[in-house]
Amino acid sequence: MMASINIDLDDYTASLYAAIPEEQKRKLSLLIGIKLREFLASCPRPIQATMDRMGAEAMERGLTPEILDSILRDKGEEDIPNPIAN
């Protein structure tokens, strides 16, 4: 049995996928399913739990949204959203 999911992709990758024949889409779907299972099996913790833990540790060590914004600006990455800003 197959189920459908939605995955956000960049526009270029989405256009490449849209242009391939249905048979290749079917094969790619099987490959993505295998890779996703492998990836999830290799993660000792769910990704969100890991990210939450890392954020909490950073905040415990004094990282504030303002400091993170300053670091991102120093790196020239103004377009990166601050994940700990309210």
C-alpha atoms as a PDB file:
ATOM      1  CA  MET A   1       0.000   0.000   0.000  1.00  0.00           C
ATOM      2  CA  MET A   2       1.246   3.500  -0.824  1.00  0.00           C
ATOM      3  CA  ALA A   3       0.543   6.771   0.960  1.00  0.00           C
ATOM      4  CA  SER A   4       1.195  10.293  -0.228  1.00  0.00           C
ATOM      5  CA  ILE A   5       3.182  12.936   1.640  1.00  0.00           C
ATOM      6  CA  ASN A   6       4.127  16.510   0.778  1.00  0.00           C
ATOM      7  CA  ILE A   7       7.750  17.614   0.886  1.00  0.00           C
ATOM      8  CA  ASP A   8       8.795  21.224   0.357  1.00  0.00           C
ATOM      9  CA  LEU A   9      11.514  21.572  -2.273  1.00  0.00           C
ATOM     10  CA  ASP A  10      13.236  24.490  -3.913  1.00  0.00           C
ATOM     11  CA  ASP A  11      11.635  25.628  -7.182  1.00  0.00           C
ATOM     12  CA  TYR A  12      14.402  24.221  -9.381  1.00  0.00           C
ATOM     13  CA  THR A  13      14.227  20.725  -7.892  1.00  0.00           C
ATOM     14  CA  ALA A  14      10.431  20.749  -8.058  1.00  0.00           C
ATOM     15  CA  SER A  15      10.534  21.707 -11.745  1.00  0.00           C
ATOM     16  CA  LEU A  16      13.013  18.905 -12.468  1.00  0.00           C
ATOM     17  CA  TYR A  17      10.718  16.419 -10.747  1.00  0.00           C
ATOM     18  CA  ALA A  18       7.666  17.707 -12.616  1.00  0.00           C
ATOM     19  CA  ALA A  19       9.446  17.167 -15.939  1.00  0.00           C
ATOM     20  CA  ILE A  20      10.332  13.486 -15.518  1.00  0.00           C
ATOM     21  CA  PRO A  21       8.143  10.647 -16.811  1.00  0.00           C
ATOM     22  CA  GLU A  22       5.740   8.859 -14.449  1.00  0.00           C
ATOM     23  CA  GLU A  23       7.863   5.680 -14.445  1.00  0.00           C
ATOM     24  CA  GLN A  24      10.872   7.644 -13.180  1.00  0.00           C
ATOM     25  CA  LYS A  25       8.664   9.334 -10.569  1.00  0.00           C
ATOM     26  CA  ARG A  26       7.577   5.894  -9.348  1.00  0.00           C
ATOM     27  CA  LYS A  27      11.186   4.714  -9.095  1.00  0.00           C
ATOM     28  CA  LEU A  28      12.222   7.934  -7.375  1.00  0.00           C
ATOM     29  CA  SER A  29       9.386   7.513  -4.893  1.00  0.00           C
ATOM     30  CA  LEU A  30      10.668   4.049  -3.987  1.00  0.00           C
ATOM     31  CA  LEU A  31      14.234   5.363  -3.636  1.00  0.00           C
ATOM     32  CA  ILE A  32      13.141   8.279  -1.438  1.00  0.00           C
ATOM     33  CA  GLY A  33      11.173   5.861   0.756  1.00  0.00           C
ATOM     34  CA  ILE A  34      14.235   3.647   1.214  1.00  0.00           C
ATOM     35  CA  LYS A  35      16.522   6.613   1.935  1.00  0.00           C
ATOM     36  CA  LEU A  36      14.044   8.125   4.390  1.00  0.00           C
ATOM     37  CA  ARG A  37      13.783   4.848   6.315  1.00  0.00           C
ATOM     38  CA  GLU A  38      17.599   4.542   6.375  1.00  0.00           C
ATOM     39  CA  PHE A  39      17.960   8.126   7.561  1.00  0.00           C
ATOM     40  CA  LEU A  40      15.365   7.791  10.313  1.00  0.00           C
ATOM     41  CA  ALA A  41      16.822   4.463  11.475  1.00  0.00           C
ATOM     42  CA  SER A  42      20.275   6.013  11.752  1.00  0.00           C
ATOM     43  CA  CYS A  43      19.084   8.965  13.866  1.00  0.00           C
ATOM     44  CA  PRO A  44      19.429   8.132  17.541  1.00  0.00           C
ATOM     45  CA  ARG A  45      16.917  10.879  18.365  1.00  0.00           C
ATOM     46  CA  PRO A  46      14.199  12.539  16.377  1.00  0.00           C
ATOM     47  CA  ILE A  47      15.570  15.610  14.617  1.00  0.00           C
ATOM     48  CA  GLN A  48      13.210  18.026  16.363  1.00  0.00           C
ATOM     49  CA  ALA A  49      14.217  16.686  19.786  1.00  0.00           C
ATOM     50  CA  THR A  50      17.890  17.160  18.879  1.00  0.00           C
ATOM     51  CA  MET A  51      17.269  20.690  17.635  1.00  0.00           C
ATOM     52  CA  ASP A  52      15.259  21.539  20.758  1.00  0.00           C
ATOM     53  CA  ARG A  53      18.035  20.192  22.997  1.00  0.00           C
ATOM     54  CA  MET A  54      20.695  22.158  21.120  1.00  0.00           C
ATOM     55  CA  GLY A  55      18.622  25.347  21.352  1.00  0.00           C
ATOM     56  CA  ALA A  56      18.029  24.875  25.069  1.00  0.00           C
ATOM     57  CA  GLU A  57      21.741  24.260  25.689  1.00  0.00           C
ATOM     58  CA  ALA A  58      22.666  27.373  23.691  1.00  0.00           C
ATOM     59  CA  MET A  59      20.219  29.470  25.678  1.00  0.00           C
ATOM     60  CA  GLU A  60      21.531  28.024  28.974  1.00  0.00           C
ATOM     61  CA  ARG A  61      24.996  29.114  27.885  1.00  0.00           C
ATOM     62  CA  GLY A  62      23.759  32.651  27.307  1.00  0.00           C
ATOM     63  CA  LEU A  63      22.781  32.728  23.648  1.00  0.00           C
ATOM     64  CA  THR A  64      19.925  35.178  23.194  1.00  0.00           C
ATOM     65  CA  PRO A  65      17.926  35.933  20.045  1.00  0.00           C
ATOM     66  CA  GLU A  66      19.783  39.251  19.835  1.00  0.00           C
ATOM     67  CA  ILE A  67      23.209  37.586  20.006  1.00  0.00           C
ATOM     68  CA  LEU A  68      22.197  35.052  17.374  1.00  0.00           C
ATOM     69  CA  ASP A  69      20.948  37.860  15.118  1.00  0.00           C
ATOM     70  CA  SER A  70      24.277  39.632  15.578  1.00  0.00           C
ATOM     71  CA  ILE A  71      26.215  36.463  14.703  1.00  0.00           C
ATOM     72  CA  LEU A  72      24.107  35.900  11.604  1.00  0.00           C
ATOM     73  CA  ARG A  73      24.567  39.528  10.503  1.00  0.00           C
ATOM     74  CA  ASP A  74      28.330  39.234  11.021  1.00  0.00           C
ATOM     75  CA  LYS A  75      28.327  36.214   8.720  1.00  0.00           C
ATOM     76  CA  GLY A  76      26.411  38.149   6.062  1.00  0.00           C
ATOM     77  CA  GLU A  77      23.412  35.866   6.309  1.00  0.00           C
ATOM     78  CA  GLU A  78      20.629  38.365   6.978  1.00  0.00           C
ATOM     79  CA  ASP A  79      18.082  36.229   5.143  1.00  0.00           C
ATOM     80  CA  ILE A  80      18.394  33.306   7.556  1.00  0.00           C
ATOM     81  CA  PRO A  81      15.468  33.328   9.987  1.00  0.00           C
ATOM     82  CA  ASN A  82      16.336  33.295  13.681  1.00  0.00           C
ATOM     83  CA  PRO A  83      14.890  30.027  15.058  1.00  0.00           C
ATOM     84  CA  ILE A  84      14.808  31.244  18.677  1.00  0.00           C
ATOM     85  CA  ALA A  85      13.283  34.685  18.073  1.00  0.00           C
ATOM     86  CA  ASN A  86       9.700  35.100  19.198  1.00  0.00           C
END
